[in-house]
């Protein structure tokens, strides 16, 4: 339902031979087994929501958003986000994916680029400065899916205040107009200011506020139905703190008592104004598709 059969066969063949997919995406029998378990975990989270056992779930370590229909990369072999979407489609018609990873989710975007029933919103670092080099505001979908692929590129150093401003300006009105039946959010800790592979500026408490904002919107638009995936982050000191903050927001804690392990940097001067201009241009390009910006 998600990946081409030839691509799936290729990954299984590489696992048998213990050969990597590319220079940054290793494949082995152990990795393949782990990936299958993670995919099963995502589907189990969706099943529990689908069958009414719970409203919200956190899938720790999930969110392989760089895997497309016939390609992998960026540490991702199979797209568990899309697999969860396809599983949920047995019952649901409108699904919103919010990708808050520091990297653009090119695989997820490609899979649903022409699909008006899956609204894909991604906040990520400016693709001119980071892998995979795509995710510009002009990439808004095609065919019936035009207007349903929404990219919010952010300049390096974007901190809590500006990031959360962008989230509320774009995610909140679109979610309230689209009225999804579930929200799937993915991203781990790599938007933290001390991450090794990214250059955004979120703090641990910023992740907590991000999580609470997503939950609050889910409560408004889809009876609280939410799966949060947390599979990224490359600084082992901050990763568990950010995952705790994200999970705390999902389970409904009012606040967290966590100290930053490093001193947060000052957001670069002018960043907020750059983001405001980006959002103005983005809304202008999407105005014909969404009443909230008409």
C-alpha atoms as a PDB file:
ATOM      1  CA  UNK A   1       0.000   0.000   0.000  1.00  0.00           C
ATOM      2  CA  UNK A   2       2.991   2.324   0.507  1.00  0.00           C
ATOM      3  CA  UNK A   3       6.146   0.996  -1.170  1.00  0.00           C
ATOM      4  CA  UNK A   4       6.814  -0.544  -4.570  1.00  0.00           C
ATOM      5  CA  UNK A   5       7.326  -4.302  -4.380  1.00  0.00           C
ATOM      6  CA  UNK A   6      10.715  -4.046  -6.106  1.00  0.00           C
ATOM      7  CA  UNK A   7      11.918  -1.586  -3.480  1.00  0.00           C
ATOM      8  CA  UNK A   8      10.745  -3.818  -0.618  1.00  0.00           C
ATOM      9  CA  UNK A   9      12.520  -6.787  -2.207  1.00  0.00           C
ATOM     10  CA  UNK A  10      15.679  -4.691  -2.543  1.00  0.00           C
ATOM     11  CA  UNK A  11      15.752  -3.833   1.168  1.00  0.00           C
ATOM     12  CA  UNK A  12      15.222  -7.465   2.185  1.00  0.00           C
ATOM     13  CA  UNK A  13      17.976  -8.518  -0.228  1.00  0.00           C
ATOM     14  CA  UNK A  14      20.381  -5.906   1.167  1.00  0.00           C
ATOM     15  CA  UNK A  15      19.604  -7.086   4.698  1.00  0.00           C
ATOM     16  CA  UNK A  16      20.517 -10.658   3.774  1.00  0.00           C
ATOM     17  CA  UNK A  17      23.818  -9.438   2.327  1.00  0.00           C
ATOM     18  CA  UNK A  18      24.437  -6.977   5.189  1.00  0.00           C
ATOM     19  CA  UNK A  19      24.911  -4.176   2.646  1.00  0.00           C
ATOM     20  CA  UNK A  20      23.886  -0.527   3.125  1.00  0.00           C
ATOM     21  CA  UNK A  21      21.223   1.198   1.035  1.00  0.00           C
ATOM     22  CA  UNK A  22      23.481   4.244   0.783  1.00  0.00           C
ATOM     23  CA  UNK A  23      26.354   5.805   2.719  1.00  0.00           C
ATOM     24  CA  UNK A  24      24.118   6.993   5.559  1.00  0.00           C
ATOM     25  CA  UNK A  25      21.434   4.294   5.581  1.00  0.00           C
ATOM     26  CA  UNK A  26      22.795   0.929   6.747  1.00  0.00           C
ATOM     27  CA  UNK A  27      20.850  -2.301   6.302  1.00  0.00           C
ATOM     28  CA  UNK A  28      21.348  -5.551   8.201  1.00  0.00           C
ATOM     29  CA  UNK A  29      19.149  -8.399   9.444  1.00  0.00           C
ATOM     30  CA  UNK A  30      19.053  -6.767  12.883  1.00  0.00           C
ATOM     31  CA  UNK A  31      18.138  -3.347  11.477  1.00  0.00           C
ATOM     32  CA  UNK A  32      15.424  -4.842   9.263  1.00  0.00           C
ATOM     33  CA  UNK A  33      13.948  -6.689  12.238  1.00  0.00           C
ATOM     34  CA  UNK A  34      13.982  -3.487  14.301  1.00  0.00           C
ATOM     35  CA  UNK A  35      12.330  -1.523  11.497  1.00  0.00           C
ATOM     36  CA  UNK A  36       9.569  -4.115  11.176  1.00  0.00           C
ATOM     37  CA  UNK A  37       8.944  -3.939  14.917  1.00  0.00           C
ATOM     38  CA  UNK A  38       8.793  -0.149  14.758  1.00  0.00           C
ATOM     39  CA  UNK A  39       6.303  -0.270  11.877  1.00  0.00           C
ATOM     40  CA  UNK A  40       4.239  -2.743  13.903  1.00  0.00           C
ATOM     41  CA  UNK A  41       4.379  -0.377  16.862  1.00  0.00           C
ATOM     42  CA  UNK A  42       3.021   2.503  14.794  1.00  0.00           C
ATOM     43  CA  UNK A  43       0.188   0.353  13.487  1.00  0.00           C
ATOM     44  CA  UNK A  44      -0.583  -0.900  17.005  1.00  0.00           C
ATOM     45  CA  UNK A  45      -0.877   2.714  18.169  1.00  0.00           C
ATOM     46  CA  UNK A  46      -3.280   3.383  15.301  1.00  0.00           C
ATOM     47  CA  UNK A  47      -5.237   0.201  16.002  1.00  0.00           C
ATOM     48  CA  UNK A  48      -5.805   1.163  19.618  1.00  0.00           C
ATOM     49  CA  UNK A  49      -7.153   4.538  18.530  1.00  0.00           C
ATOM     50  CA  UNK A  50      -9.086   3.035  15.589  1.00  0.00           C
ATOM     51  CA  UNK A  51     -10.867   0.615  17.924  1.00  0.00           C
ATOM     52  CA  UNK A  52     -11.613   3.253  20.563  1.00  0.00           C
ATOM     53  CA  UNK A  53      -9.346   1.935  23.326  1.00  0.00           C
ATOM     54  CA  UNK A  54      -7.433   5.224  23.634  1.00  0.00           C
ATOM     55  CA  UNK A  55      -7.375   8.698  22.100  1.00  0.00           C
ATOM     56  CA  UNK A  56      -3.644   9.487  22.123  1.00  0.00           C
ATOM     57  CA  UNK A  57      -0.465   7.470  21.710  1.00  0.00           C
ATOM     58  CA  UNK A  58       3.284   8.136  21.632  1.00  0.00           C
ATOM     59  CA  UNK A  59       5.337   5.933  19.319  1.00  0.00           C
ATOM     60  CA  UNK A  60       8.892   6.239  20.645  1.00  0.00           C
ATOM     61  CA  UNK A  61      11.504   6.082  17.888  1.00  0.00           C
ATOM     62  CA  UNK A  62       9.056   6.129  14.979  1.00  0.00           C
ATOM     63  CA  UNK A  63       8.771   8.583  12.091  1.00  0.00           C
ATOM     64  CA  UNK A  64      10.819   7.421   9.066  1.00  0.00           C
ATOM     65  CA  UNK A  65       9.812  10.318   6.843  1.00  0.00           C
ATOM     66  CA  UNK A  66      12.632  10.185   4.264  1.00  0.00           C
ATOM     67  CA  UNK A  67      11.450   6.879   2.766  1.00  0.00           C
ATOM     68  CA  UNK A  68       9.338   7.305  -0.378  1.00  0.00           C
ATOM     69  CA  UNK A  69       7.473   4.789  -2.524  1.00  0.00           C
ATOM     70  CA  UNK A  70      10.585   3.467  -4.230  1.00  0.00           C
ATOM     71  CA  UNK A  71      13.489   4.949  -2.295  1.00  0.00           C
ATOM     72  CA  UNK A  72      14.974   5.287   1.170  1.00  0.00           C
ATOM     73  CA  UNK A  73      17.657   7.495   2.679  1.00  0.00           C
ATOM     74  CA  UNK A  74      18.420   9.652   5.690  1.00  0.00           C
ATOM     75  CA  UNK A  75      18.442   6.582   8.004  1.00  0.00           C
ATOM     76  CA  UNK A  76      14.947   5.625   6.756  1.00  0.00           C
ATOM     77  CA  UNK A  77      14.044   2.335   5.014  1.00  0.00           C
ATOM     78  CA  UNK A  78      10.230   2.111   5.208  1.00  0.00           C
ATOM     79  CA  UNK A  79       7.814   4.977   5.848  1.00  0.00           C
ATOM     80  CA  UNK A  80       5.907   3.990   8.987  1.00  0.00           C
ATOM     81  CA  UNK A  81       3.962   7.266   8.922  1.00  0.00           C
ATOM     82  CA  UNK A  82       2.460   6.393   5.546  1.00  0.00           C
ATOM     83  CA  UNK A  83       1.851   2.793   6.632  1.00  0.00           C
ATOM     84  CA  UNK A  84      -0.106   4.085   9.608  1.00  0.00           C
ATOM     85  CA  UNK A  85      -2.079   6.431   7.332  1.00  0.00           C
ATOM     86  CA  UNK A  86      -3.006   3.575   4.999  1.00  0.00           C
ATOM     87  CA  UNK A  87      -4.019   1.378   7.936  1.00  0.00           C
ATOM     88  CA  UNK A  88      -6.260   4.125   9.313  1.00  0.00           C
ATOM     89  CA  UNK A  89      -7.849   4.741   5.928  1.00  0.00           C
ATOM     90  CA  UNK A  90      -9.925   1.606   6.388  1.00  0.00           C
ATOM     91  CA  UNK A  91     -12.076   3.773   8.629  1.00  0.00           C
ATOM     92  CA  UNK A  92     -11.016   7.422   8.305  1.00  0.00           C
ATOM     93  CA  UNK A  93     -11.207   9.804   5.344  1.00  0.00           C
ATOM     94  CA  UNK A  94      -9.235  12.903   6.407  1.00  0.00           C
ATOM     95  CA  UNK A  95      -5.809  12.641   8.053  1.00  0.00           C
ATOM     96  CA  UNK A  96      -3.431  15.453   8.974  1.00  0.00           C
ATOM     97  CA  UNK A  97       0.317  14.831   9.193  1.00  0.00           C
ATOM     98  CA  UNK A  98       2.353  17.437  11.069  1.00  0.00           C
ATOM     99  CA  UNK A  99       6.094  16.940  10.559  1.00  0.00           C
ATOM    100  CA  UNK A 100       8.090  18.959  13.121  1.00  0.00           C
ATOM    101  CA  UNK A 101      11.454  17.305  12.438  1.00  0.00           C
ATOM    102  CA  UNK A 102      14.378  19.639  11.675  1.00  0.00           C
ATOM    103  CA  UNK A 103      14.625  17.933   8.252  1.00  0.00           C
ATOM    104  CA  UNK A 104      11.910  18.090   5.589  1.00  0.00           C
ATOM    105  CA  UNK A 105       9.936  14.833   5.306  1.00  0.00           C
ATOM    106  CA  UNK A 106      10.493  14.387   1.585  1.00  0.00           C
ATOM    107  CA  UNK A 107       9.316  10.762   1.496  1.00  0.00           C
ATOM    108  CA  UNK A 108       6.003  11.443   3.212  1.00  0.00           C
ATOM    109  CA  UNK A 109       5.485  14.544   1.100  1.00  0.00           C
ATOM    110  CA  UNK A 110       6.095  12.637  -2.135  1.00  0.00           C
ATOM    111  CA  UNK A 111       3.743   9.794  -1.205  1.00  0.00           C
ATOM    112  CA  UNK A 112       0.809  12.162  -0.569  1.00  0.00           C
ATOM    113  CA  UNK A 113       1.702  14.973  -2.975  1.00  0.00           C
ATOM    114  CA  UNK A 114      -1.426  14.414  -5.091  1.00  0.00           C
ATOM    115  CA  UNK A 115      -3.795  13.353  -2.306  1.00  0.00           C
ATOM    116  CA  UNK A 116      -6.424  15.856  -1.025  1.00  0.00           C
ATOM    117  CA  UNK A 117      -7.429  13.540   1.825  1.00  0.00           C
ATOM    118  CA  UNK A 118      -4.039  13.782   3.569  1.00  0.00           C
ATOM    119  CA  UNK A 119      -2.956  17.265   4.632  1.00  0.00           C
ATOM    120  CA  UNK A 120       0.828  17.327   5.063  1.00  0.00           C
ATOM    121  CA  UNK A 121       2.311  20.247   7.028  1.00  0.00           C
ATOM    122  CA  UNK A 122       6.055  20.439   7.654  1.00  0.00           C
ATOM    123  CA  UNK A 123       8.034  22.904   9.770  1.00  0.00           C
ATOM    124  CA  UNK A 124      11.738  22.426   9.077  1.00  0.00           C
ATOM    125  CA  UNK A 125      15.065  24.156   8.724  1.00  0.00           C
ATOM    126  CA  UNK A 126      15.605  26.111   5.499  1.00  0.00           C
ATOM    127  CA  UNK A 127      16.298  23.360   2.914  1.00  0.00           C
ATOM    128  CA  UNK A 128      19.117  25.433   1.398  1.00  0.00           C
ATOM    129  CA  UNK A 129      21.075  24.737   4.577  1.00  0.00           C
ATOM    130  CA  UNK A 130      20.299  21.090   5.417  1.00  0.00           C
ATOM    131  CA  UNK A 131      19.420  17.597   4.093  1.00  0.00           C
ATOM    132  CA  UNK A 132      17.439  16.679   1.974  1.00  0.00           C
ATOM    133  CA  UNK A 133      17.507  20.048   0.186  1.00  0.00           C
ATOM    134  CA  UNK A 134      13.774  20.227  -0.584  1.00  0.00           C
ATOM    135  CA  UNK A 135      10.685  21.531   1.193  1.00  0.00           C
ATOM    136  CA  UNK A 136      10.217  25.050  -0.189  1.00  0.00           C
ATOM    137  CA  UNK A 137       6.996  27.040   0.123  1.00  0.00           C
ATOM    138  CA  UNK A 138       6.399  26.646  -3.636  1.00  0.00           C
ATOM    139  CA  UNK A 139       5.994  22.868  -3.223  1.00  0.00           C
ATOM    140  CA  UNK A 140       2.245  22.853  -2.498  1.00  0.00           C
ATOM    141  CA  UNK A 141       1.175  19.561  -4.111  1.00  0.00           C
ATOM    142  CA  UNK A 142      -0.143  18.739  -7.557  1.00  0.00           C
ATOM    143  CA  UNK A 143      -3.402  17.696  -9.215  1.00  0.00           C
ATOM    144  CA  UNK A 144      -6.168  17.083  -6.691  1.00  0.00           C
ATOM    145  CA  UNK A 145      -3.580  17.441  -3.922  1.00  0.00           C
ATOM    146  CA  UNK A 146      -2.644  21.002  -4.764  1.00  0.00           C
ATOM    147  CA  UNK A 147      -2.791  23.084  -1.599  1.00  0.00           C
ATOM    148  CA  UNK A 148      -2.511  20.051   0.683  1.00  0.00           C
ATOM    149  CA  UNK A 149       1.301  20.045   0.919  1.00  0.00           C
ATOM    150  CA  UNK A 150       2.370  22.925   3.171  1.00  0.00           C
ATOM    151  CA  UNK A 151       6.024  23.694   3.858  1.00  0.00           C
ATOM    152  CA  UNK A 152       7.271  26.150   6.476  1.00  0.00           C
ATOM    153  CA  UNK A 153      11.051  26.554   6.053  1.00  0.00           C
ATOM    154  CA  UNK A 154      12.699  28.247   9.026  1.00  0.00           C
ATOM    155  CA  UNK A 155      16.092  29.992   9.122  1.00  0.00           C
ATOM    156  CA  UNK A 156      18.892  28.462  11.236  1.00  0.00           C
ATOM    157  CA  UNK A 157      18.685  29.519  14.856  1.00  0.00           C
ATOM    158  CA  UNK A 158      14.891  29.833  14.950  1.00  0.00           C
ATOM    159  CA  UNK A 159      13.996  29.645  18.644  1.00  0.00           C
ATOM    160  CA  UNK A 160      10.926  28.802  20.698  1.00  0.00           C
ATOM    161  CA  UNK A 161       9.011  32.047  20.250  1.00  0.00           C
ATOM    162  CA  UNK A 162       9.354  32.248  16.474  1.00  0.00           C
ATOM    163  CA  UNK A 163       8.892  28.497  15.937  1.00  0.00           C
ATOM    164  CA  UNK A 164       5.707  28.372  17.990  1.00  0.00           C
ATOM    165  CA  UNK A 165       4.453  31.533  16.281  1.00  0.00           C
ATOM    166  CA  UNK A 166       4.838  29.794  12.895  1.00  0.00           C
ATOM    167  CA  UNK A 167       3.125  26.665  14.217  1.00  0.00           C
ATOM    168  CA  UNK A 168       0.108  28.619  15.432  1.00  0.00           C
ATOM    169  CA  UNK A 169      -0.097  30.744  12.270  1.00  0.00           C
ATOM    170  CA  UNK A 170      -0.128  27.757   9.904  1.00  0.00           C
ATOM    171  CA  UNK A 171      -1.000  24.498  11.659  1.00  0.00           C
ATOM    172  CA  UNK A 172      -3.849  25.798  13.820  1.00  0.00           C
ATOM    173  CA  UNK A 173      -6.028  27.486  11.131  1.00  0.00           C
ATOM    174  CA  UNK A 174      -5.435  24.699   8.595  1.00  0.00           C
ATOM    175  CA  UNK A 175      -6.330  21.989  11.115  1.00  0.00           C
ATOM    176  CA  UNK A 176      -9.520  23.822  12.049  1.00  0.00           C
ATOM    177  CA  UNK A 177     -10.566  24.221   8.415  1.00  0.00           C
ATOM    178  CA  UNK A 178      -9.498  20.741   7.217  1.00  0.00           C
ATOM    179  CA  UNK A 179     -11.118  19.046  10.246  1.00  0.00           C
ATOM    180  CA  UNK A 180      -9.022  15.852  10.224  1.00  0.00           C
ATOM    181  CA  UNK A 181     -10.281  12.725  11.927  1.00  0.00           C
ATOM    182  CA  UNK A 182      -6.833  12.125  13.423  1.00  0.00           C
ATOM    183  CA  UNK A 183      -3.506  13.963  13.641  1.00  0.00           C
ATOM    184  CA  UNK A 184      -0.203  12.148  13.152  1.00  0.00           C
ATOM    185  CA  UNK A 185       2.779  14.238  14.284  1.00  0.00           C
ATOM    186  CA  UNK A 186       6.377  13.187  13.774  1.00  0.00           C
ATOM    187  CA  UNK A 187       9.779  14.486  14.796  1.00  0.00           C
ATOM    188  CA  UNK A 188      12.091  13.863  17.726  1.00  0.00           C
ATOM    189  CA  UNK A 189      14.636  16.150  19.319  1.00  0.00           C
ATOM    190  CA  UNK A 190      16.697  17.269  16.337  1.00  0.00           C
ATOM    191  CA  UNK A 191      15.113  20.742  16.282  1.00  0.00           C
ATOM    192  CA  UNK A 192      16.789  21.348  19.681  1.00  0.00           C
ATOM    193  CA  UNK A 193      19.497  24.008  19.645  1.00  0.00           C
ATOM    194  CA  UNK A 194      22.205  21.536  20.719  1.00  0.00           C
ATOM    195  CA  UNK A 195      21.446  18.816  18.170  1.00  0.00           C
ATOM    196  CA  UNK A 196      24.429  17.546  16.177  1.00  0.00           C
ATOM    197  CA  UNK A 197      22.746  17.467  12.732  1.00  0.00           C
ATOM    198  CA  UNK A 198      20.404  20.461  12.842  1.00  0.00           C
ATOM    199  CA  UNK A 199      20.602  24.194  13.444  1.00  0.00           C
ATOM    200  CA  UNK A 200      17.209  25.205  14.784  1.00  0.00           C
ATOM    201  CA  UNK A 201      16.878  26.620  18.290  1.00  0.00           C
ATOM    202  CA  UNK A 202      14.102  24.876  20.259  1.00  0.00           C
ATOM    203  CA  UNK A 203      14.577  24.258  23.977  1.00  0.00           C
ATOM    204  CA  UNK A 204      13.269  21.345  26.034  1.00  0.00           C
ATOM    205  CA  UNK A 205      10.395  23.515  27.265  1.00  0.00           C
ATOM    206  CA  UNK A 206       9.773  24.555  23.673  1.00  0.00           C
ATOM    207  CA  UNK A 207       9.170  20.906  22.802  1.00  0.00           C
ATOM    208  CA  UNK A 208       6.761  20.653  25.728  1.00  0.00           C
ATOM    209  CA  UNK A 209       4.789  23.660  24.468  1.00  0.00           C
ATOM    210  CA  UNK A 210       4.872  22.228  20.933  1.00  0.00           C
ATOM    211  CA  UNK A 211       3.401  18.961  22.183  1.00  0.00           C
ATOM    212  CA  UNK A 212       0.713  20.690  24.237  1.00  0.00           C
ATOM    213  CA  UNK A 213      -0.239  22.844  21.247  1.00  0.00           C
ATOM    214  CA  UNK A 214      -0.698  19.761  19.059  1.00  0.00           C
ATOM    215  CA  UNK A 215      -2.792  18.060  21.751  1.00  0.00           C
ATOM    216  CA  UNK A 216      -4.965  21.145  22.241  1.00  0.00           C
ATOM    217  CA  UNK A 217      -5.667  21.293  18.516  1.00  0.00           C
ATOM    218  CA  UNK A 218      -6.431  17.574  18.373  1.00  0.00           C
ATOM    219  CA  UNK A 219      -8.959  18.086  21.158  1.00  0.00           C
ATOM    220  CA  UNK A 220     -10.612  20.846  19.126  1.00  0.00           C
ATOM    221  CA  UNK A 221     -10.797  19.144  15.749  1.00  0.00           C
ATOM    222  CA  UNK A 222     -10.743  15.351  16.151  1.00  0.00           C
ATOM    223  CA  UNK A 223     -11.837  14.404  19.675  1.00  0.00           C
ATOM    224  CA  UNK A 224      -8.196  14.310  20.801  1.00  0.00           C
ATOM    225  CA  UNK A 225      -7.151  11.541  18.384  1.00  0.00           C
ATOM    226  CA  UNK A 226      -3.384  11.820  18.009  1.00  0.00           C
ATOM    227  CA  UNK A 227      -0.314   9.691  17.339  1.00  0.00           C
ATOM    228  CA  UNK A 228       2.986  11.395  18.171  1.00  0.00           C
ATOM    229  CA  UNK A 229       6.152   9.841  16.696  1.00  0.00           C
ATOM    230  CA  UNK A 230       9.532  10.790  18.138  1.00  0.00           C
ATOM    231  CA  UNK A 231      12.178   9.180  15.944  1.00  0.00           C
ATOM    232  CA  UNK A 232      14.996  11.677  15.529  1.00  0.00           C
ATOM    233  CA  UNK A 233      17.656  13.433  17.558  1.00  0.00           C
ATOM    234  CA  UNK A 234      21.421  13.069  17.583  1.00  0.00           C
ATOM    235  CA  UNK A 235      22.591  14.549  20.883  1.00  0.00           C
ATOM    236  CA  UNK A 236      22.300  11.803  23.538  1.00  0.00           C
ATOM    237  CA  UNK A 237      22.331  14.382  26.335  1.00  0.00           C
ATOM    238  CA  UNK A 238      19.247  16.304  25.188  1.00  0.00           C
ATOM    239  CA  UNK A 239      17.352  13.502  23.416  1.00  0.00           C
ATOM    240  CA  UNK A 240      15.793  11.868  26.515  1.00  0.00           C
ATOM    241  CA  UNK A 241      14.858  15.274  27.942  1.00  0.00           C
ATOM    242  CA  UNK A 242      13.083  16.274  24.728  1.00  0.00           C
ATOM    243  CA  UNK A 243      11.294  12.932  24.462  1.00  0.00           C
ATOM    244  CA  UNK A 244      10.165  13.351  28.056  1.00  0.00           C
ATOM    245  CA  UNK A 245       8.904  16.860  27.259  1.00  0.00           C
ATOM    246  CA  UNK A 246       7.029  15.688  24.163  1.00  0.00           C
ATOM    247  CA  UNK A 247       5.485  12.738  26.000  1.00  0.00           C
ATOM    248  CA  UNK A 248       4.579  14.899  29.000  1.00  0.00           C
ATOM    249  CA  UNK A 249       2.605  17.176  26.693  1.00  0.00           C
ATOM    250  CA  UNK A 250       0.710  14.251  25.187  1.00  0.00           C
ATOM    251  CA  UNK A 251      -0.262  12.712  28.531  1.00  0.00           C
ATOM    252  CA  UNK A 252      -1.508  16.062  29.817  1.00  0.00           C
ATOM    253  CA  UNK A 253       1.023  17.310  32.354  1.00  0.00           C
ATOM    254  CA  UNK A 254       0.514  20.996  33.147  1.00  0.00           C
ATOM    255  CA  UNK A 255       4.239  21.738  33.392  1.00  0.00           C
ATOM    256  CA  UNK A 256       7.632  20.054  33.541  1.00  0.00           C
ATOM    257  CA  UNK A 257      10.574  20.653  35.847  1.00  0.00           C
ATOM    258  CA  UNK A 258      13.531  20.086  33.537  1.00  0.00           C
ATOM    259  CA  UNK A 259      16.756  22.081  33.327  1.00  0.00           C
ATOM    260  CA  UNK A 260      18.515  22.647  30.011  1.00  0.00           C
ATOM    261  CA  UNK A 261      21.894  20.875  29.956  1.00  0.00           C
ATOM    262  CA  UNK A 262      23.335  23.765  27.902  1.00  0.00           C
ATOM    263  CA  UNK A 263      22.790  27.523  27.829  1.00  0.00           C
ATOM    264  CA  UNK A 264      20.278  28.394  25.073  1.00  0.00           C
ATOM    265  CA  UNK A 265      21.636  30.732  22.394  1.00  0.00           C
ATOM    266  CA  UNK A 266      20.076  34.072  21.506  1.00  0.00           C
ATOM    267  CA  UNK A 267      17.982  33.839  18.355  1.00  0.00           C
ATOM    268  CA  UNK A 268      19.708  35.648  15.448  1.00  0.00           C
ATOM    269  CA  UNK A 269      18.520  39.206  14.958  1.00  0.00           C
ATOM    270  CA  UNK A 270      15.970  39.465  12.189  1.00  0.00           C
ATOM    271  CA  UNK A 271      14.899  35.803  12.257  1.00  0.00           C
ATOM    272  CA  UNK A 272      11.384  36.579  13.423  1.00  0.00           C
ATOM    273  CA  UNK A 273      10.887  39.131  10.652  1.00  0.00           C
ATOM    274  CA  UNK A 274      12.190  36.614   8.063  1.00  0.00           C
ATOM    275  CA  UNK A 275       9.705  34.028   9.269  1.00  0.00           C
ATOM    276  CA  UNK A 276       6.827  36.495   9.210  1.00  0.00           C
ATOM    277  CA  UNK A 277       7.682  37.292   5.586  1.00  0.00           C
ATOM    278  CA  UNK A 278       7.877  33.568   4.734  1.00  0.00           C
ATOM    279  CA  UNK A 279       4.443  33.019   6.267  1.00  0.00           C
ATOM    280  CA  UNK A 280       2.960  35.947   4.337  1.00  0.00           C
ATOM    281  CA  UNK A 281       4.265  34.496   1.076  1.00  0.00           C
ATOM    282  CA  UNK A 282       3.086  30.998   2.001  1.00  0.00           C
ATOM    283  CA  UNK A 283      -0.425  32.184   2.835  1.00  0.00           C
ATOM    284  CA  UNK A 284      -0.526  34.127  -0.422  1.00  0.00           C
ATOM    285  CA  UNK A 285       0.340  31.011  -2.434  1.00  0.00           C
ATOM    286  CA  UNK A 286      -2.285  28.915  -0.596  1.00  0.00           C
ATOM    287  CA  UNK A 287      -5.059  31.518  -0.506  1.00  0.00           C
ATOM    288  CA  UNK A 288      -7.008  29.984  -3.370  1.00  0.00           C
ATOM    289  CA  UNK A 289      -7.179  26.629  -1.567  1.00  0.00           C
ATOM    290  CA  UNK A 290      -8.016  27.666   2.003  1.00  0.00           C
ATOM    291  CA  UNK A 291     -10.796  29.965   3.194  1.00  0.00           C
ATOM    292  CA  UNK A 292      -8.864  30.934   6.337  1.00  0.00           C
ATOM    293  CA  UNK A 293      -6.505  32.999   4.147  1.00  0.00           C
ATOM    294  CA  UNK A 294      -8.924  34.055   1.404  1.00  0.00           C
END
